[in-house]
mmCIF file of all heavy atoms, coordinates in Angstrom:
data_MODEL
# 
_entry.id   MODEL 
# 
loop_
_atom_site.group_PDB 
_atom_site.id 
_atom_site.type_symbol 
_atom_site.label_atom_id 
_atom_site.label_alt_id 
_atom_site.label_comp_id 
_atom_site.label_asym_id 
_atom_site.label_entity_id 
_atom_site.label_seq_id 
_atom_site.pdbx_PDB_ins_code 
_atom_site.Cartn_x 
_atom_site.Cartn_y 
_atom_site.Cartn_z 
_atom_site.occupancy 
_atom_site.B_iso_or_equiv 
_atom_site.pdbx_formal_charge 
_atom_site.auth_seq_id 
_atom_site.auth_comp_id 
_atom_site.auth_asym_id 
_atom_site.auth_atom_id 
_atom_site.pdbx_PDB_model_num 
ATOM 1   N N   . ALA A 1 1  ? 0.823   -1.215 0.000   1.00 0.00 ? 1  ALA A N   1 
ATOM 2   C CA  . ALA A 1 1  ? 0.000   0.000  0.000   1.00 0.00 ? 1  ALA A CA  1 
ATOM 3   C C   . ALA A 1 1  ? 0.856   1.264  0.000   1.00 0.00 ? 1  ALA A C   1 
ATOM 4   O O   . ALA A 1 1  ? 0.545   2.236  -0.689  1.00 0.00 ? 1  ALA A O   1 
ATOM 5   C CB  . ALA A 1 1  ? -0.942  0.009  1.205   1.00 0.00 ? 1  ALA A CB  1 
ATOM 6   N N   . VAL A 1 2  ? 1.940   1.268  0.754   1.00 0.00 ? 2  VAL A N   1 
ATOM 7   C CA  . VAL A 1 2  ? 2.821   2.435  0.815   1.00 0.00 ? 2  VAL A CA  1 
ATOM 8   C C   . VAL A 1 2  ? 3.421   2.718  -0.553  1.00 0.00 ? 2  VAL A C   1 
ATOM 9   O O   . VAL A 1 2  ? 3.467   3.861  -0.999  1.00 0.00 ? 2  VAL A O   1 
ATOM 10  C CB  . VAL A 1 2  ? 3.935   2.242  1.870   1.00 0.00 ? 2  VAL A CB  1 
ATOM 11  C CG1 . VAL A 1 2  ? 4.959   3.361  1.796   1.00 0.00 ? 2  VAL A CG1 1 
ATOM 12  C CG2 . VAL A 1 2  ? 3.337   2.176  3.257   1.00 0.00 ? 2  VAL A CG2 1 
ATOM 13  N N   . PHE A 1 3  ? 3.850   1.672  -1.247  1.00 0.00 ? 3  PHE A N   1 
ATOM 14  C CA  . PHE A 1 3  ? 4.448   1.849  -2.567  1.00 0.00 ? 3  PHE A CA  1 
ATOM 15  C C   . PHE A 1 3  ? 3.416   2.371  -3.569  1.00 0.00 ? 3  PHE A C   1 
ATOM 16  O O   . PHE A 1 3  ? 3.725   3.231  -4.390  1.00 0.00 ? 3  PHE A O   1 
ATOM 17  C CB  . PHE A 1 3  ? 5.069   0.542  -3.064  1.00 0.00 ? 3  PHE A CB  1 
ATOM 18  C CG  . PHE A 1 3  ? 6.145   0.026  -2.153  1.00 0.00 ? 3  PHE A CG  1 
ATOM 19  C CD1 . PHE A 1 3  ? 5.934   -1.103 -1.384  1.00 0.00 ? 3  PHE A CD1 1 
ATOM 20  C CD2 . PHE A 1 3  ? 7.356   0.693  -2.041  1.00 0.00 ? 3  PHE A CD2 1 
ATOM 21  C CE1 . PHE A 1 3  ? 6.920   -1.571 -0.532  1.00 0.00 ? 3  PHE A CE1 1 
ATOM 22  C CE2 . PHE A 1 3  ? 8.349   0.228  -1.194  1.00 0.00 ? 3  PHE A CE2 1 
ATOM 23  C CZ  . PHE A 1 3  ? 8.132   -0.904 -0.428  1.00 0.00 ? 3  PHE A CZ  1 
ATOM 24  N N   . ALA A 1 4  ? 2.194   1.852  -3.496  1.00 0.00 ? 4  ALA A N   1 
ATOM 25  C CA  . ALA A 1 4  ? 1.137   2.312  -4.396  1.00 0.00 ? 4  ALA A CA  1 
ATOM 26  C C   . ALA A 1 4  ? 0.819   3.783  -4.135  1.00 0.00 ? 4  ALA A C   1 
ATOM 27  O O   . ALA A 1 4  ? 0.645   4.566  -5.077  1.00 0.00 ? 4  ALA A O   1 
ATOM 28  C CB  . ALA A 1 4  ? -0.118  1.460  -4.213  1.00 0.00 ? 4  ALA A CB  1 
ATOM 29  N N   . LEU A 1 5  ? 0.769   4.173  -2.872  1.00 0.00 ? 5  LEU A N   1 
ATOM 30  C CA  . LEU A 1 5  ? 0.485   5.561  -2.519  1.00 0.00 ? 5  LEU A CA  1 
ATOM 31  C C   . LEU A 1 5  ? 1.610   6.480  -2.984  1.00 0.00 ? 5  LEU A C   1 
ATOM 32  O O   . LEU A 1 5  ? 1.363   7.531  -3.587  1.00 0.00 ? 5  LEU A O   1 
ATOM 33  C CB  . LEU A 1 5  ? 0.264   5.702  -1.016  1.00 0.00 ? 5  LEU A CB  1 
ATOM 34  C CG  . LEU A 1 5  ? -0.027  7.103  -0.504  1.00 0.00 ? 5  LEU A CG  1 
ATOM 35  C CD1 . LEU A 1 5  ? -1.267  7.694  -1.169  1.00 0.00 ? 5  LEU A CD1 1 
ATOM 36  C CD2 . LEU A 1 5  ? -0.173  7.091  1.007   1.00 0.00 ? 5  LEU A CD2 1 
ATOM 37  N N   . LYS A 1 6  ? 2.857   6.089  -2.723  1.00 0.00 ? 6  LYS A N   1 
ATOM 38  C CA  . LYS A 1 6  ? 3.996   6.904  -3.151  1.00 0.00 ? 6  LYS A CA  1 
ATOM 39  C C   . LYS A 1 6  ? 3.985   7.103  -4.666  1.00 0.00 ? 6  LYS A C   1 
ATOM 40  O O   . LYS A 1 6  ? 4.209   8.205  -5.153  1.00 0.00 ? 6  LYS A O   1 
ATOM 41  C CB  . LYS A 1 6  ? 5.320   6.248  -2.745  1.00 0.00 ? 6  LYS A CB  1 
ATOM 42  C CG  . LYS A 1 6  ? 5.716   6.447  -1.324  1.00 0.00 ? 6  LYS A CG  1 
ATOM 43  C CD  . LYS A 1 6  ? 7.083   5.804  -1.083  1.00 0.00 ? 6  LYS A CD  1 
ATOM 44  C CE  . LYS A 1 6  ? 7.522   5.937  0.346   1.00 0.00 ? 6  LYS A CE  1 
ATOM 45  N NZ  . LYS A 1 6  ? 8.834   5.309  0.592   1.00 0.00 ? 6  LYS A NZ  1 
ATOM 46  N N   . ALA A 1 7  ? 3.734   6.028  -5.395  1.00 0.00 ? 7  ALA A N   1 
ATOM 47  C CA  . ALA A 1 7  ? 3.715   6.112  -6.857  1.00 0.00 ? 7  ALA A CA  1 
ATOM 48  C C   . ALA A 1 7  ? 2.619   7.053  -7.337  1.00 0.00 ? 7  ALA A C   1 
ATOM 49  O O   . ALA A 1 7  ? 2.826   7.853  -8.256  1.00 0.00 ? 7  ALA A O   1 
ATOM 50  C CB  . ALA A 1 7  ? 3.526   4.721  -7.458  1.00 0.00 ? 7  ALA A CB  1 
ATOM 51  N N   . ALA A 1 8  ? 1.452   6.996  -6.710  1.00 0.00 ? 8  ALA A N   1 
ATOM 52  C CA  . ALA A 1 8  ? 0.349   7.873  -7.102  1.00 0.00 ? 8  ALA A CA  1 
ATOM 53  C C   . ALA A 1 8  ? 0.677   9.337  -6.814  1.00 0.00 ? 8  ALA A C   1 
ATOM 54  O O   . ALA A 1 8  ? 0.403   10.221 -7.623  1.00 0.00 ? 8  ALA A O   1 
ATOM 55  C CB  . ALA A 1 8  ? -0.929  7.464  -6.371  1.00 0.00 ? 8  ALA A CB  1 
ATOM 56  N N   . VAL A 1 9  ? 1.291   9.600  -5.674  1.00 0.00 ? 9  VAL A N   1 
ATOM 57  C CA  . VAL A 1 9  ? 1.646   10.975 -5.295  1.00 0.00 ? 9  VAL A CA  1 
ATOM 58  C C   . VAL A 1 9  ? 2.750   11.510 -6.207  1.00 0.00 ? 9  VAL A C   1 
ATOM 59  O O   . VAL A 1 9  ? 2.703   12.668 -6.638  1.00 0.00 ? 9  VAL A O   1 
ATOM 60  C CB  . VAL A 1 9  ? 2.048   11.053 -3.810  1.00 0.00 ? 9  VAL A CB  1 
ATOM 61  C CG1 . VAL A 1 9  ? 2.639   12.406 -3.465  1.00 0.00 ? 9  VAL A CG1 1 
ATOM 62  C CG2 . VAL A 1 9  ? 0.850   10.751 -2.924  1.00 0.00 ? 9  VAL A CG2 1 
ATOM 63  N N   . GLU A 1 10 ? 3.726   10.673 -6.518  1.00 0.00 ? 10 GLU A N   1 
ATOM 64  C CA  . GLU A 1 10 ? 4.841   11.107 -7.366  1.00 0.00 ? 10 GLU A CA  1 
ATOM 65  C C   . GLU A 1 10 ? 4.397   11.467 -8.780  1.00 0.00 ? 10 GLU A C   1 
ATOM 66  O O   . GLU A 1 10 ? 5.031   12.281 -9.437  1.00 0.00 ? 10 GLU A O   1 
ATOM 67  C CB  . GLU A 1 10 ? 5.927   10.028 -7.401  1.00 0.00 ? 10 GLU A CB  1 
ATOM 68  C CG  . GLU A 1 10 ? 6.714   9.965  -6.112  1.00 0.00 ? 10 GLU A CG  1 
ATOM 69  C CD  . GLU A 1 10 ? 7.674   8.789  -6.038  1.00 0.00 ? 10 GLU A CD  1 
ATOM 70  O OE1 . GLU A 1 10 ? 7.790   8.027  -7.026  1.00 0.00 ? 10 GLU A OE1 1 
ATOM 71  O OE2 . GLU A 1 10 ? 8.302   8.620  -4.979  1.00 0.00 ? 10 GLU A OE2 1 
ATOM 72  N N   . LYS A 1 11 ? 3.298   10.872 -9.242  1.00 0.00 ? 11 LYS A N   1 
ATOM 73  C CA  . LYS A 1 11 ? 2.781   11.212 -10.573 1.00 0.00 ? 11 LYS A CA  1 
ATOM 74  C C   . LYS A 1 11 ? 2.340   12.668 -10.633 1.00 0.00 ? 11 LYS A C   1 
ATOM 75  O O   . LYS A 1 11 ? 2.314   13.277 -11.685 1.00 0.00 ? 11 LYS A O   1 
ATOM 76  C CB  . LYS A 1 11 ? 1.593   10.317 -10.936 1.00 0.00 ? 11 LYS A CB  1 
ATOM 77  C CG  . LYS A 1 11 ? 1.969   8.949  -11.405 1.00 0.00 ? 11 LYS A CG  1 
ATOM 78  C CD  . LYS A 1 11 ? 0.749   8.143  -11.708 1.00 0.00 ? 11 LYS A CD  1 
ATOM 79  C CE  . LYS A 1 11 ? 0.535   8.039  -13.199 1.00 0.00 ? 11 LYS A CE  1 
ATOM 80  N NZ  . LYS A 1 11 ? -0.567  7.144  -13.542 1.00 0.00 ? 11 LYS A NZ  1 
ATOM 81  N N   . ASP A 1 12 ? 1.960   13.227 -9.492  1.00 0.00 ? 12 ASP A N   1 
ATOM 82  C CA  . ASP A 1 12 ? 1.521   14.616 -9.374  1.00 0.00 ? 12 ASP A CA  1 
ATOM 83  C C   . ASP A 1 12 ? 0.354   14.939 -10.311 1.00 0.00 ? 12 ASP A C   1 
ATOM 84  O O   . ASP A 1 12 ? 0.268   16.031 -10.854 1.00 0.00 ? 12 ASP A O   1 
ATOM 85  C CB  . ASP A 1 12 ? 2.694   15.578 -9.614  1.00 0.00 ? 12 ASP A CB  1 
ATOM 86  C CG  . ASP A 1 12 ? 2.391   16.985 -9.126  1.00 0.00 ? 12 ASP A CG  1 
ATOM 87  O OD1 . ASP A 1 12 ? 1.666   17.114 -8.121  1.00 0.00 ? 12 ASP A OD1 1 
ATOM 88  O OD2 . ASP A 1 12 ? 2.856   17.948 -9.765  1.00 0.00 ? 12 ASP A OD2 1 
ATOM 89  N N   . THR A 1 13 ? -0.529  13.983 -10.503 1.00 0.00 ? 13 THR A N   1 
ATOM 90  C CA  . THR A 1 13 ? -1.695  14.211 -11.359 1.00 0.00 ? 13 THR A CA  1 
ATOM 91  C C   . THR A 1 13 ? -3.007  14.073 -10.594 1.00 0.00 ? 13 THR A C   1 
ATOM 92  O O   . THR A 1 13 ? -4.068  14.277 -11.172 1.00 0.00 ? 13 THR A O   1 
ATOM 93  C CB  . THR A 1 13 ? -1.719  13.223 -12.542 1.00 0.00 ? 13 THR A CB  1 
ATOM 94  O OG1 . THR A 1 13 ? -1.730  11.894 -12.038 1.00 0.00 ? 13 THR A OG1 1 
ATOM 95  C CG2 . THR A 1 13 ? -0.533  13.420 -13.451 1.00 0.00 ? 13 THR A CG2 1 
ATOM 96  N N   . TYR A 1 14 ? -2.929  13.737 -9.315  1.00 0.00 ? 14 TYR A N   1 
ATOM 97  C CA  . TYR A 1 14 ? -4.151  13.482 -8.551  1.00 0.00 ? 14 TYR A CA  1 
ATOM 98  C C   . TYR A 1 14 ? -4.407  14.550 -7.493  1.00 0.00 ? 14 TYR A C   1 
ATOM 99  O O   . TYR A 1 14 ? -3.529  14.872 -6.709  1.00 0.00 ? 14 TYR A O   1 
ATOM 100 C CB  . TYR A 1 14 ? -4.082  12.111 -7.870  1.00 0.00 ? 14 TYR A CB  1 
ATOM 101 C CG  . TYR A 1 14 ? -3.902  10.980 -8.851  1.00 0.00 ? 14 TYR A CG  1 
ATOM 102 C CD1 . TYR A 1 14 ? -2.764  10.192 -8.834  1.00 0.00 ? 14 TYR A CD1 1 
ATOM 103 C CD2 . TYR A 1 14 ? -4.871  10.714 -9.817  1.00 0.00 ? 14 TYR A CD2 1 
ATOM 104 C CE1 . TYR A 1 14 ? -2.588  9.165  -9.745  1.00 0.00 ? 14 TYR A CE1 1 
ATOM 105 C CE2 . TYR A 1 14 ? -4.701  9.690  -10.728 1.00 0.00 ? 14 TYR A CE2 1 
ATOM 106 C CZ  . TYR A 1 14 ? -3.562  8.919  -10.688 1.00 0.00 ? 14 TYR A CZ  1 
ATOM 107 O OH  . TYR A 1 14 ? -3.394  7.910  -11.595 1.00 0.00 ? 14 TYR A OH  1 
ATOM 108 N N   . ALA A 1 15 ? -5.629  15.070 -7.497  1.00 0.00 ? 15 ALA A N   1 
ATOM 109 C CA  . ALA A 1 15 ? -6.050  16.004 -6.458  1.00 0.00 ? 15 ALA A CA  1 
ATOM 110 C C   . ALA A 1 15 ? -6.629  15.244 -5.271  1.00 0.00 ? 15 ALA A C   1 
ATOM 111 O O   . ALA A 1 15 ? -6.532  15.671 -4.129  1.00 0.00 ? 15 ALA A O   1 
ATOM 112 C CB  . ALA A 1 15 ? -7.086  16.981 -7.006  1.00 0.00 ? 15 ALA A CB  1 
ATOM 113 N N   . ILE A 1 16 ? -7.247  14.098 -5.572  1.00 0.00 ? 16 ILE A N   1 
ATOM 114 C CA  . ILE A 1 16 ? -7.863  13.271 -4.539  1.00 0.00 ? 16 ILE A CA  1 
ATOM 115 C C   . ILE A 1 16 ? -7.437  11.833 -4.763  1.00 0.00 ? 16 ILE A C   1 
ATOM 116 O O   . ILE A 1 16 ? -7.474  11.330 -5.884  1.00 0.00 ? 16 ILE A O   1 
ATOM 117 C CB  . ILE A 1 16 ? -9.406  13.357 -4.589  1.00 0.00 ? 16 ILE A CB  1 
ATOM 118 C CG1 . ILE A 1 16 ? -9.871  14.793 -4.388  1.00 0.00 ? 16 ILE A CG1 1 
ATOM 119 C CG2 . ILE A 1 16 ? -10.039 12.433 -3.550  1.00 0.00 ? 16 ILE A CG2 1 
ATOM 120 C CD1 . ILE A 1 16 ? -11.350 14.996 -4.645  1.00 0.00 ? 16 ILE A CD1 1 
ATOM 121 N N   . ILE A 1 17 ? -7.036  11.179 -3.683  1.00 0.00 ? 17 ILE A N   1 
ATOM 122 C CA  . ILE A 1 17 ? -6.719  9.758  -3.726  1.00 0.00 ? 17 ILE A CA  1 
ATOM 123 C C   . ILE A 1 17 ? -7.578  9.077  -2.674  1.00 0.00 ? 17 ILE A C   1 
ATOM 124 O O   . ILE A 1 17 ? -7.416  9.319  -1.475  1.00 0.00 ? 17 ILE A O   1 
ATOM 125 C CB  . ILE A 1 17 ? -5.229  9.480  -3.459  1.00 0.00 ? 17 ILE A CB  1 
ATOM 126 C CG1 . ILE A 1 17 ? -4.362  10.172 -4.509  1.00 0.00 ? 17 ILE A CG1 1 
ATOM 127 C CG2 . ILE A 1 17 ? -4.973  7.973  -3.430  1.00 0.00 ? 17 ILE A CG2 1 
ATOM 128 C CD1 . ILE A 1 17 ? -2.869  10.088 -4.236  1.00 0.00 ? 17 ILE A CD1 1 
ATOM 129 N N   . PHE A 1 18 ? -8.524  8.273  -3.132  1.00 0.00 ? 18 PHE A N   1 
ATOM 130 C CA  . PHE A 1 18 ? -9.321  7.459  -2.229  1.00 0.00 ? 18 PHE A CA  1 
ATOM 131 C C   . PHE A 1 18 ? -8.545  6.171  -1.976  1.00 0.00 ? 18 PHE A C   1 
ATOM 132 O O   . PHE A 1 18 ? -7.885  5.653  -2.868  1.00 0.00 ? 18 PHE A O   1 
ATOM 133 C CB  . PHE A 1 18 ? -10.681 7.112  -2.845  1.00 0.00 ? 18 PHE A CB  1 
ATOM 134 C CG  . PHE A 1 18 ? -11.594 8.287  -3.000  1.00 0.00 ? 18 PHE A CG  1 
ATOM 135 C CD1 . PHE A 1 18 ? -11.822 8.852  -4.244  1.00 0.00 ? 18 PHE A CD1 1 
ATOM 136 C CD2 . PHE A 1 18 ? -12.244 8.835  -1.902  1.00 0.00 ? 18 PHE A CD2 1 
ATOM 137 C CE1 . PHE A 1 18 ? -12.668 9.935  -4.395  1.00 0.00 ? 18 PHE A CE1 1 
ATOM 138 C CE2 . PHE A 1 18 ? -13.089 9.918  -2.039  1.00 0.00 ? 18 PHE A CE2 1 
ATOM 139 C CZ  . PHE A 1 18 ? -13.302 10.467 -3.296  1.00 0.00 ? 18 PHE A CZ  1 
ATOM 140 N N   . MET A 1 19 ? -8.621  5.667  -0.756  1.00 0.00 ? 19 MET A N   1 
ATOM 141 C CA  . MET A 1 19 ? -7.980  4.395  -0.413  1.00 0.00 ? 19 MET A CA  1 
ATOM 142 C C   . MET A 1 19 ? -8.958  3.557  0.388   1.00 0.00 ? 19 MET A C   1 
ATOM 143 O O   . MET A 1 19 ? -9.659  4.094  1.256   1.00 0.00 ? 19 MET A O   1 
ATOM 144 C CB  . MET A 1 19 ? -6.721  4.612  0.435   1.00 0.00 ? 19 MET A CB  1 
ATOM 145 C CG  . MET A 1 19 ? -5.621  5.385  -0.240  1.00 0.00 ? 19 MET A CG  1 
ATOM 146 S SD  . MET A 1 19 ? -4.159  5.549  0.823   1.00 0.00 ? 19 MET A SD  1 
ATOM 147 C CE  . MET A 1 19 ? -3.380  3.955  0.530   1.00 0.00 ? 19 MET A CE  1 
ATOM 148 N N   . THR A 1 20 ? -8.994  2.254  0.116   1.00 0.00 ? 20 THR A N   1 
ATOM 149 C CA  . THR A 1 20 ? -9.818  1.402  0.962   1.00 0.00 ? 20 THR A CA  1 
ATOM 150 C C   . THR A 1 20 ? -9.271  1.497  2.390   1.00 0.00 ? 20 THR A C   1 
ATOM 151 O O   . THR A 1 20 ? -8.095  1.778  2.592   1.00 0.00 ? 20 THR A O   1 
ATOM 152 C CB  . THR A 1 20 ? -9.807  -0.061 0.484   1.00 0.00 ? 20 THR A CB  1 
ATOM 153 O OG1 . THR A 1 20 ? -8.482  -0.557 0.501   1.00 0.00 ? 20 THR A OG1 1 
ATOM 154 C CG2 . THR A 1 20 ? -10.432 -0.203 -0.893  1.00 0.00 ? 20 THR A CG2 1 
ATOM 155 N N   . GLU A 1 21 ? -10.125 1.289  3.334   1.00 0.00 ? 21 GLU A N   1 
ATOM 156 C CA  . GLU A 1 21 ? -9.723  1.457  4.739   1.00 0.00 ? 21 GLU A CA  1 
ATOM 157 C C   . GLU A 1 21 ? -8.526  0.582  5.116   1.00 0.00 ? 21 GLU A C   1 
ATOM 158 O O   . GLU A 1 21 ? -7.664  1.013  5.885   1.00 0.00 ? 21 GLU A O   1 
ATOM 159 C CB  . GLU A 1 21 ? -10.904 1.161  5.660   1.00 0.00 ? 21 GLU A CB  1 
ATOM 160 C CG  . GLU A 1 21 ? -11.963 2.230  5.584   1.00 0.00 ? 21 GLU A CG  1 
ATOM 161 C CD  . GLU A 1 21 ? -13.176 1.920  6.431   1.00 0.00 ? 21 GLU A CD  1 
ATOM 162 O OE1 . GLU A 1 21 ? -13.572 0.742  6.518   1.00 0.00 ? 21 GLU A OE1 1 
ATOM 163 O OE2 . GLU A 1 21 ? -13.739 2.866  7.002   1.00 0.00 ? 21 GLU A OE2 1 
ATOM 164 N N   . GLU A 1 22 ? -8.443  -0.608 4.552   1.00 0.00 ? 22 GLU A N   1 
ATOM 165 C CA  . GLU A 1 22 ? -7.295  -1.479 4.851   1.00 0.00 ? 22 GLU A CA  1 
ATOM 166 C C   . GLU A 1 22 ? -5.990  -0.872 4.341   1.00 0.00 ? 22 GLU A C   1 
ATOM 167 O O   . GLU A 1 22 ? -4.985  -0.860 5.041   1.00 0.00 ? 22 GLU A O   1 
ATOM 168 C CB  . GLU A 1 22 ? -7.500  -2.852 4.210   1.00 0.00 ? 22 GLU A CB  1 
ATOM 169 C CG  . GLU A 1 22 ? -8.590  -3.662 4.869   1.00 0.00 ? 22 GLU A CG  1 
ATOM 170 C CD  . GLU A 1 22 ? -8.849  -4.962 4.142   1.00 0.00 ? 22 GLU A CD  1 
ATOM 171 O OE1 . GLU A 1 22 ? -8.857  -4.972 2.897   1.00 0.00 ? 22 GLU A OE1 1 
ATOM 172 O OE2 . GLU A 1 22 ? -9.041  -5.972 4.838   1.00 0.00 ? 22 GLU A OE2 1 
ATOM 173 N N   . MET A 1 23 ? -6.013  -0.361 3.115   1.00 0.00 ? 23 MET A N   1 
ATOM 174 C CA  . MET A 1 23 ? -4.816  0.256  2.538   1.00 0.00 ? 23 MET A CA  1 
ATOM 175 C C   . MET A 1 23 ? -4.485  1.568  3.260   1.00 0.00 ? 23 MET A C   1 
ATOM 176 O O   . MET A 1 23 ? -3.332  1.901  3.471   1.00 0.00 ? 23 MET A O   1 
ATOM 177 C CB  . MET A 1 23 ? -4.990  0.522  1.038   1.00 0.00 ? 23 MET A CB  1 
ATOM 178 C CG  . MET A 1 23 ? -5.269  -0.700 0.228   1.00 0.00 ? 23 MET A CG  1 
ATOM 179 S SD  . MET A 1 23 ? -3.957  -1.912 0.353   1.00 0.00 ? 23 MET A SD  1 
ATOM 180 C CE  . MET A 1 23 ? -4.812  -3.372 -0.182  1.00 0.00 ? 23 MET A CE  1 
ATOM 181 N N   . PHE A 1 24 ? -5.535  2.289  3.624   1.00 0.00 ? 24 PHE A N   1 
ATOM 182 C CA  . PHE A 1 24 ? -5.388  3.551  4.353   1.00 0.00 ? 24 PHE A CA  1 
ATOM 183 C C   . PHE A 1 24 ? -4.655  3.312  5.673   1.00 0.00 ? 24 PHE A C   1 
ATOM 184 O O   . PHE A 1 24 ? -3.699  4.009  6.011   1.00 0.00 ? 24 PHE A O   1 
ATOM 185 C CB  . PHE A 1 24 ? -6.778  4.147  4.585   1.00 0.00 ? 24 PHE A CB  1 
ATOM 186 C CG  . PHE A 1 24 ? -6.788  5.521  5.171   1.00 0.00 ? 24 PHE A CG  1 
ATOM 187 C CD1 . PHE A 1 24 ? -6.649  6.631  4.356   1.00 0.00 ? 24 PHE A CD1 1 
ATOM 188 C CD2 . PHE A 1 24 ? -6.968  5.716  6.523   1.00 0.00 ? 24 PHE A CD2 1 
ATOM 189 C CE1 . PHE A 1 24 ? -6.681  7.907  4.888   1.00 0.00 ? 24 PHE A CE1 1 
ATOM 190 C CE2 . PHE A 1 24 ? -6.993  6.981  7.070   1.00 0.00 ? 24 PHE A CE2 1 
ATOM 191 C CZ  . PHE A 1 24 ? -6.855  8.080  6.246   1.00 0.00 ? 24 PHE A CZ  1 
ATOM 192 N N   . ALA A 1 25 ? -5.083  2.302  6.420   1.00 0.00 ? 25 ALA A N   1 
ATOM 193 C CA  . ALA A 1 25 ? -4.471  1.993  7.711   1.00 0.00 ? 25 ALA A CA  1 
ATOM 194 C C   . ALA A 1 25 ? -3.036  1.503  7.537   1.00 0.00 ? 25 ALA A C   1 
ATOM 195 O O   . ALA A 1 25 ? -2.148  1.849  8.324   1.00 0.00 ? 25 ALA A O   1 
ATOM 196 C CB  . ALA A 1 25 ? -5.292  0.941  8.446   1.00 0.00 ? 25 ALA A CB  1 
ATOM 197 N N   . ALA A 1 26 ? -2.787  0.730  6.484   1.00 0.00 ? 26 ALA A N   1 
ATOM 198 C CA  . ALA A 1 26 ? -1.454  0.166  6.262   1.00 0.00 ? 26 ALA A CA  1 
ATOM 199 C C   . ALA A 1 26 ? -0.423  1.209  5.837   1.00 0.00 ? 26 ALA A C   1 
ATOM 200 O O   . ALA A 1 26 ? 0.769   0.974  5.945   1.00 0.00 ? 26 ALA A O   1 
ATOM 201 C CB  . ALA A 1 26 ? -1.530  -0.940 5.210   1.00 0.00 ? 26 ALA A CB  1 
ATOM 202 N N   . SER A 1 27 ? -0.887  2.359  5.381   1.00 0.00 ? 27 SER A N   1 
ATOM 203 C CA  . SER A 1 27 ? 0.041   3.383  4.880   1.00 0.00 ? 27 SER A CA  1 
ATOM 204 C C   . SER A 1 27 ? 0.084   4.622  5.774   1.00 0.00 ? 27 SER A C   1 
ATOM 205 O O   . SER A 1 27 ? 0.403   5.712  5.317   1.00 0.00 ? 27 SER A O   1 
ATOM 206 C CB  . SER A 1 27 ? -0.359  3.785  3.457   1.00 0.00 ? 27 SER A CB  1 
ATOM 207 O OG  . SER A 1 27 ? -1.654  4.340  3.457   1.00 0.00 ? 27 SER A OG  1 
ATOM 208 N N   . GLU A 1 28 ? -0.192  4.457  7.043   1.00 0.00 ? 28 GLU A N   1 
ATOM 209 C CA  . GLU A 1 28 ? -0.317  5.592  7.968   1.00 0.00 ? 28 GLU A CA  1 
ATOM 210 C C   . GLU A 1 28 ? 0.915   6.499  8.001   1.00 0.00 ? 28 GLU A C   1 
ATOM 211 O O   . GLU A 1 28 ? 0.794   7.719  7.892   1.00 0.00 ? 28 GLU A O   1 
ATOM 212 C CB  . GLU A 1 28 ? -0.629  5.098  9.377   1.00 0.00 ? 28 GLU A CB  1 
ATOM 213 C CG  . GLU A 1 28 ? -0.822  6.230  10.359  1.00 0.00 ? 28 GLU A CG  1 
ATOM 214 C CD  . GLU A 1 28 ? -1.233  5.753  11.735  1.00 0.00 ? 28 GLU A CD  1 
ATOM 215 O OE1 . GLU A 1 28 ? -1.257  4.543  11.985  1.00 0.00 ? 28 GLU A OE1 1 
ATOM 216 O OE2 . GLU A 1 28 ? -1.531  6.627  12.565  1.00 0.00 ? 28 GLU A OE2 1 
# 
């Protein structure tokens, strides 16, 4: 989950990133 979040943020194309609660908790 952390790697997926980092990759999404690094793209710098997203204003909003929704995450399932499990992924959200795992990437605190």
